[in-house]
Each structure stands twice: as C-alpha cells, then as structure tokens.
Amino acid sequence: MQHLVFVYGTLRKGQSNAHYLSSSELLGSFETLPEFALYDLGAYPGIISGKKRVSGEVYMVDDEVLKQLDVLEDIPVEYRRETIQTDFGPAWVYIYQLSTSQNGSEIISGDWCQRV
C-alpha cells in the first residue's frame, strides 16, 4: 500500500535522515495551514499545535518505509502520527508529544532548513 507523508525536519532532502526516503517519490514542497508550531529539539525538530505554518515536503512511501519512519520517530512514545490535508492529498505527519518547554526553542520561520 502507498501512503503520503509530510516531513518537515531531518527527513527532508539534504538533511541527516533523508536516506530513509531514498526509495520514495518526492511529490513536492508543501506549507501547512497555520495550525502548528515548529520546535528545534537539538538534533531534530518537532511540531505541536500552534498558529504558524510549517514548511516541508510530501513523499509517497510504501508500507515498509512507513514502518521504518514509525521506528525512527519513536511511535507512540515521542511522536504520534496524524493526517493533514496537503496539495497532494491527505498525508501522515509526525506530531511531537513530549514537553517542549525544557528542551526546545520555537523556529519562528516554520522552516527547519532555514533555522539559525
């Protein structure tokens, strides 16, 4: 089965975990509705509910890649998977579910690749 996944951090093209998606099709860039806040958690980001847009990419992945992403994202402990509407159709997105108050700072631009 094929799935759409919206990625916004280390899974994006040129980032440290992009190799997980090397066999998947990049459908294009996408910016969410202003419903999230993007946090820099050190080596990777996380999104939570908020009022800003988040930039990322949408990929078409198969069941095996989705399973690998779930392991990487530590489902269901650190992240949970939800669907959002994208220009390419409904896509999975990984939502951070631990506290950001102790270990993160908001990326105001909403773009992990443009963080300072």
N, C-alpha and C. Protein backbone atom coordinates (compact mmCIF):
# COMPACT_ATOMS: atom_id res chain seq x y z
N MET A 1 0.83 -1.18 0.00
CA MET A 1 0.00 0.00 0.00
C MET A 1 0.87 1.25 0.00
N GLN A 2 0.39 2.29 -0.63
CA GLN A 2 1.13 3.55 -0.70
C GLN A 2 0.53 4.56 0.27
N HIS A 3 1.39 5.40 0.83
CA HIS A 3 0.98 6.41 1.81
C HIS A 3 1.66 7.72 1.46
N LEU A 4 1.00 8.82 1.74
CA LEU A 4 1.64 10.13 1.65
C LEU A 4 2.13 10.50 3.05
N VAL A 5 3.35 11.08 3.10
CA VAL A 5 3.92 11.52 4.37
C VAL A 5 4.47 12.93 4.18
N PHE A 6 4.09 13.83 5.09
CA PHE A 6 4.63 15.18 5.12
C PHE A 6 5.79 15.19 6.11
N VAL A 7 6.98 15.56 5.64
CA VAL A 7 8.16 15.61 6.50
C VAL A 7 8.64 17.06 6.59
N TYR A 8 9.13 17.45 7.76
CA TYR A 8 9.46 18.86 7.99
C TYR A 8 10.83 19.07 8.61
N GLY A 9 11.59 17.99 8.84
CA GLY A 9 12.87 18.13 9.53
C GLY A 9 13.98 17.32 8.91
N THR A 10 14.52 16.39 9.69
CA THR A 10 15.70 15.64 9.27
C THR A 10 15.43 14.67 8.14
N LEU A 11 14.16 14.43 7.81
CA LEU A 11 13.83 13.54 6.68
C LEU A 11 13.78 14.30 5.36
N ARG A 12 13.85 15.62 5.40
CA ARG A 12 13.81 16.40 4.17
C ARG A 12 15.08 16.21 3.35
N LYS A 13 14.94 16.46 2.06
CA LYS A 13 16.05 16.32 1.11
C LYS A 13 17.27 17.11 1.62
N GLY A 14 18.42 16.43 1.65
CA GLY A 14 19.67 17.06 2.08
C GLY A 14 19.90 17.04 3.58
N GLN A 15 18.95 16.54 4.34
CA GLN A 15 19.08 16.51 5.80
C GLN A 15 19.58 15.13 6.26
N SER A 16 19.88 15.01 7.55
CA SER A 16 20.59 13.84 8.08
C SER A 16 19.86 12.50 7.94
N ASN A 17 18.55 12.49 7.89
CA ASN A 17 17.80 11.24 7.77
C ASN A 17 17.11 11.07 6.42
N ALA A 18 17.47 11.88 5.45
CA ALA A 18 16.86 11.82 4.12
C ALA A 18 17.01 10.44 3.48
N HIS A 19 18.05 9.70 3.86
CA HIS A 19 18.28 8.37 3.27
C HIS A 19 17.11 7.41 3.52
N TYR A 20 16.32 7.65 4.57
CA TYR A 20 15.15 6.80 4.82
C TYR A 20 14.15 6.89 3.67
N LEU A 21 14.17 7.99 2.93
CA LEU A 21 13.22 8.23 1.85
C LEU A 21 13.84 8.10 0.47
N SER A 22 15.05 7.54 0.39
CA SER A 22 15.77 7.47 -0.89
C SER A 22 15.03 6.64 -1.94
N SER A 23 14.22 5.68 -1.51
CA SER A 23 13.49 4.85 -2.46
C SER A 23 12.06 5.34 -2.67
N SER A 24 11.72 6.47 -2.06
CA SER A 24 10.36 7.01 -2.13
C SER A 24 10.32 8.20 -3.09
N GLU A 25 9.11 8.46 -3.60
CA GLU A 25 8.93 9.54 -4.56
C GLU A 25 8.62 10.85 -3.84
N LEU A 26 9.43 11.87 -4.11
CA LEU A 26 9.17 13.22 -3.62
C LEU A 26 8.10 13.84 -4.51
N LEU A 27 6.94 14.15 -3.94
CA LEU A 27 5.87 14.74 -4.73
C LEU A 27 6.02 16.25 -4.83
N GLY A 28 6.59 16.88 -3.80
CA GLY A 28 6.82 18.31 -3.85
C GLY A 28 6.85 18.95 -2.49
N SER A 29 7.09 20.25 -2.50
CA SER A 29 7.12 21.05 -1.27
C SER A 29 5.70 21.38 -0.86
N PHE A 30 5.53 21.64 0.43
CA PHE A 30 4.22 21.99 0.95
C PHE A 30 4.40 22.82 2.21
N GLU A 31 3.48 23.75 2.42
CA GLU A 31 3.44 24.54 3.65
C GLU A 31 2.07 24.32 4.29
N THR A 32 2.08 23.95 5.56
CA THR A 32 0.82 23.65 6.26
C THR A 32 -0.03 24.90 6.45
N LEU A 33 -1.26 24.68 6.83
CA LEU A 33 -2.09 25.77 7.31
C LEU A 33 -1.49 26.27 8.62
N PRO A 34 -1.86 27.47 9.08
CA PRO A 34 -1.27 28.00 10.34
C PRO A 34 -1.88 27.31 11.57
N GLU A 35 -1.53 26.04 11.75
CA GLU A 35 -2.08 25.23 12.83
C GLU A 35 -1.02 24.61 13.73
N PHE A 36 0.25 24.97 13.50
CA PHE A 36 1.34 24.28 14.20
C PHE A 36 2.37 25.27 14.74
N ALA A 37 3.25 24.75 15.57
CA ALA A 37 4.46 25.45 16.00
C ALA A 37 5.60 24.46 15.82
N LEU A 38 6.70 24.90 15.22
CA LEU A 38 7.86 24.06 14.95
C LEU A 38 8.93 24.35 16.00
N TYR A 39 9.44 23.29 16.62
CA TYR A 39 10.45 23.44 17.66
C TYR A 39 11.76 22.76 17.29
N ASP A 40 12.86 23.43 17.61
CA ASP A 40 14.20 22.87 17.47
C ASP A 40 14.48 22.13 18.76
N LEU A 41 14.63 20.81 18.66
CA LEU A 41 14.85 19.97 19.83
C LEU A 41 16.29 19.49 19.92
N GLY A 42 17.19 20.18 19.22
CA GLY A 42 18.60 19.81 19.20
C GLY A 42 18.95 19.17 17.88
N ALA A 43 18.99 17.86 17.85
CA ALA A 43 19.37 17.14 16.63
C ALA A 43 18.22 17.01 15.63
N TYR A 44 17.03 17.34 16.05
CA TYR A 44 15.85 17.18 15.19
C TYR A 44 14.75 18.12 15.68
N PRO A 45 13.72 18.33 14.84
CA PRO A 45 12.61 19.18 15.24
C PRO A 45 11.38 18.38 15.63
N GLY A 46 10.39 19.11 16.12
CA GLY A 46 9.08 18.53 16.37
C GLY A 46 8.03 19.60 16.17
N ILE A 47 6.85 19.19 15.71
CA ILE A 47 5.76 20.15 15.63
C ILE A 47 4.69 19.79 16.65
N ILE A 48 4.07 20.85 17.15
CA ILE A 48 2.97 20.73 18.08
C ILE A 48 1.86 21.65 17.58
N SER A 49 0.71 21.62 18.23
CA SER A 49 -0.37 22.54 17.86
C SER A 49 0.09 23.97 18.08
N GLY A 50 -0.32 24.84 17.19
CA GLY A 50 0.05 26.25 17.29
C GLY A 50 -0.69 27.07 16.27
N LYS A 51 -0.10 28.19 15.88
CA LYS A 51 -0.77 29.11 14.97
C LYS A 51 0.12 29.56 13.82
N LYS A 52 1.13 28.72 13.50
CA LYS A 52 2.05 29.08 12.43
C LYS A 52 2.06 28.01 11.34
N ARG A 53 2.58 28.38 10.20
CA ARG A 53 2.76 27.45 9.08
C ARG A 53 4.10 26.74 9.24
N VAL A 54 4.16 25.50 8.74
CA VAL A 54 5.41 24.74 8.76
C VAL A 54 5.70 24.29 7.34
N SER A 55 6.95 24.49 6.92
CA SER A 55 7.39 24.11 5.57
C SER A 55 7.96 22.70 5.59
N GLY A 56 7.73 21.98 4.49
CA GLY A 56 8.28 20.64 4.37
C GLY A 56 8.07 20.08 2.99
N GLU A 57 8.12 18.75 2.93
CA GLU A 57 8.00 18.03 1.66
C GLU A 57 7.02 16.87 1.84
N VAL A 58 6.37 16.51 0.76
CA VAL A 58 5.45 15.37 0.78
C VAL A 58 6.04 14.26 -0.08
N TYR A 59 6.09 13.07 0.50
CA TYR A 59 6.61 11.88 -0.18
C TYR A 59 5.53 10.82 -0.28
N MET A 60 5.64 10.00 -1.33
CA MET A 60 4.85 8.79 -1.46
C MET A 60 5.73 7.65 -0.96
N VAL A 61 5.28 6.94 0.08
CA VAL A 61 6.07 5.86 0.67
C VAL A 61 5.26 4.58 0.69
N ASP A 62 5.97 3.45 0.76
CA ASP A 62 5.28 2.16 0.87
C ASP A 62 5.19 1.75 2.34
N ASP A 63 4.55 0.62 2.59
CA ASP A 63 4.34 0.14 3.96
C ASP A 63 5.65 -0.03 4.72
N GLU A 64 6.67 -0.57 4.06
CA GLU A 64 7.95 -0.82 4.72
C GLU A 64 8.62 0.47 5.16
N VAL A 65 8.62 1.47 4.29
CA VAL A 65 9.23 2.76 4.64
C VAL A 65 8.44 3.40 5.79
N LEU A 66 7.12 3.33 5.73
CA LEU A 66 6.31 3.90 6.81
C LEU A 66 6.63 3.23 8.15
N LYS A 67 6.82 1.92 8.15
CA LYS A 67 7.21 1.21 9.37
C LYS A 67 8.56 1.71 9.89
N GLN A 68 9.52 1.91 8.98
CA GLN A 68 10.84 2.41 9.37
C GLN A 68 10.74 3.82 9.95
N LEU A 69 9.89 4.66 9.35
CA LEU A 69 9.70 6.02 9.87
C LEU A 69 9.07 5.99 11.25
N ASP A 70 8.12 5.08 11.46
CA ASP A 70 7.50 4.96 12.79
C ASP A 70 8.53 4.59 13.85
N VAL A 71 9.46 3.73 13.51
CA VAL A 71 10.53 3.36 14.45
C VAL A 71 11.43 4.56 14.70
N LEU A 72 11.85 5.24 13.63
CA LEU A 72 12.70 6.42 13.76
C LEU A 72 12.04 7.48 14.65
N GLU A 73 10.76 7.69 14.46
CA GLU A 73 10.04 8.73 15.19
C GLU A 73 9.55 8.28 16.57
N ASP A 74 9.89 7.06 16.95
CA ASP A 74 9.57 6.52 18.28
C ASP A 74 8.06 6.58 18.57
N ILE A 75 7.30 6.07 17.60
CA ILE A 75 5.84 5.95 17.76
C ILE A 75 5.58 4.84 18.77
N PRO A 76 4.76 4.93 19.74
CA PRO A 76 3.89 6.05 20.09
C PRO A 76 4.42 6.87 21.25
N VAL A 77 5.70 6.78 21.57
CA VAL A 77 6.24 7.44 22.76
C VAL A 77 6.53 8.92 22.51
N GLU A 78 7.46 9.20 21.59
CA GLU A 78 7.89 10.59 21.38
C GLU A 78 6.98 11.33 20.40
N TYR A 79 6.54 10.64 19.37
CA TYR A 79 5.68 11.24 18.35
C TYR A 79 4.43 10.39 18.18
N ARG A 80 3.41 11.00 17.59
CA ARG A 80 2.22 10.27 17.14
C ARG A 80 2.01 10.66 15.68
N ARG A 81 1.32 9.81 14.96
CA ARG A 81 1.03 10.09 13.55
C ARG A 81 -0.40 10.58 13.41
N GLU A 82 -0.58 11.68 12.69
CA GLU A 82 -1.90 12.21 12.38
C GLU A 82 -1.93 12.52 10.89
N THR A 83 -3.12 12.76 10.37
CA THR A 83 -3.21 13.14 8.96
C THR A 83 -3.50 14.63 8.85
N ILE A 84 -2.93 15.23 7.81
CA ILE A 84 -3.24 16.61 7.45
C ILE A 84 -3.57 16.63 5.96
N GLN A 85 -4.29 17.63 5.55
CA GLN A 85 -4.59 17.79 4.13
C GLN A 85 -3.44 18.55 3.47
N THR A 86 -2.93 18.01 2.35
CA THR A 86 -1.89 18.68 1.59
C THR A 86 -2.39 18.89 0.16
N ASP A 87 -1.61 19.60 -0.63
CA ASP A 87 -1.95 19.79 -2.03
C ASP A 87 -1.95 18.48 -2.80
N PHE A 88 -1.35 17.44 -2.23
CA PHE A 88 -1.22 16.14 -2.88
C PHE A 88 -2.23 15.12 -2.36
N GLY A 89 -3.01 15.53 -1.38
CA GLY A 89 -3.97 14.65 -0.73
C GLY A 89 -3.67 14.51 0.74
N PRO A 90 -4.45 13.72 1.48
CA PRO A 90 -4.20 13.52 2.90
C PRO A 90 -2.84 12.84 3.12
N ALA A 91 -2.08 13.36 4.08
CA ALA A 91 -0.74 12.83 4.34
C ALA A 91 -0.53 12.64 5.84
N TRP A 92 0.24 11.65 6.18
CA TRP A 92 0.66 11.45 7.56
C TRP A 92 1.65 12.55 7.93
N VAL A 93 1.60 12.98 9.18
CA VAL A 93 2.59 13.90 9.74
C VAL A 93 2.89 13.41 11.15
N TYR A 94 4.14 13.58 11.57
CA TYR A 94 4.56 13.16 12.90
C TYR A 94 4.47 14.36 13.85
N ILE A 95 3.64 14.24 14.88
CA ILE A 95 3.40 15.29 15.86
C ILE A 95 4.16 14.95 17.14
N TYR A 96 4.97 15.90 17.60
CA TYR A 96 5.74 15.71 18.84
C TYR A 96 4.79 15.75 20.02
N GLN A 97 4.94 14.81 20.96
CA GLN A 97 4.02 14.77 22.08
C GLN A 97 4.67 14.83 23.45
N LEU A 98 5.96 15.15 23.50
CA LEU A 98 6.61 15.39 24.79
C LEU A 98 6.66 16.90 25.03
N SER A 99 7.09 17.31 26.18
CA SER A 99 7.15 18.74 26.50
C SER A 99 8.27 19.43 25.72
N THR A 100 7.96 20.60 25.18
CA THR A 100 8.97 21.41 24.50
C THR A 100 9.53 22.49 25.42
N SER A 101 8.96 22.64 26.60
CA SER A 101 9.34 23.75 27.48
C SER A 101 10.75 23.59 28.06
N GLN A 102 11.22 22.38 28.23
CA GLN A 102 12.53 22.16 28.83
C GLN A 102 13.65 21.98 27.81
N ASN A 103 13.30 21.47 26.62
CA ASN A 103 14.38 21.08 25.70
C ASN A 103 14.23 21.63 24.29
N GLY A 104 13.42 22.67 24.09
CA GLY A 104 13.26 23.15 22.73
C GLY A 104 13.03 24.64 22.64
N SER A 105 13.34 25.17 21.46
CA SER A 105 13.06 26.57 21.18
C SER A 105 12.31 26.63 19.86
N GLU A 106 11.32 27.52 19.79
CA GLU A 106 10.50 27.61 18.60
C GLU A 106 11.29 28.17 17.42
N ILE A 107 11.07 27.56 16.26
CA ILE A 107 11.63 28.06 15.00
C ILE A 107 10.55 28.93 14.38
N ILE A 108 10.69 30.22 14.53
CA ILE A 108 9.65 31.18 14.16
C ILE A 108 9.33 31.11 12.67
N SER A 109 10.34 30.87 11.83
CA SER A 109 10.13 30.82 10.38
C SER A 109 9.27 29.64 9.95
N GLY A 110 9.20 28.59 10.79
CA GLY A 110 8.46 27.39 10.42
C GLY A 110 9.22 26.49 9.45
N ASP A 111 10.49 26.77 9.24
CA ASP A 111 11.30 26.01 8.28
C ASP A 111 12.57 25.50 8.94
N TRP A 112 12.63 24.21 9.21
CA TRP A 112 13.80 23.58 9.83
C TRP A 112 15.08 23.85 9.03
N CYS A 113 15.00 23.85 7.72
CA CYS A 113 16.19 24.03 6.89
C CYS A 113 16.68 25.48 6.87
N GLN A 114 15.87 26.41 7.36
CA GLN A 114 16.26 27.82 7.40
C GLN A 114 16.50 28.32 8.83
N ARG A 115 16.59 27.39 9.78
CA ARG A 115 16.79 27.80 11.18
C ARG A 115 18.16 28.45 11.34
N VAL A 116 18.27 29.29 12.31
CA VAL A 116 19.55 30.00 12.56
C VAL A 116 20.30 29.25 13.63
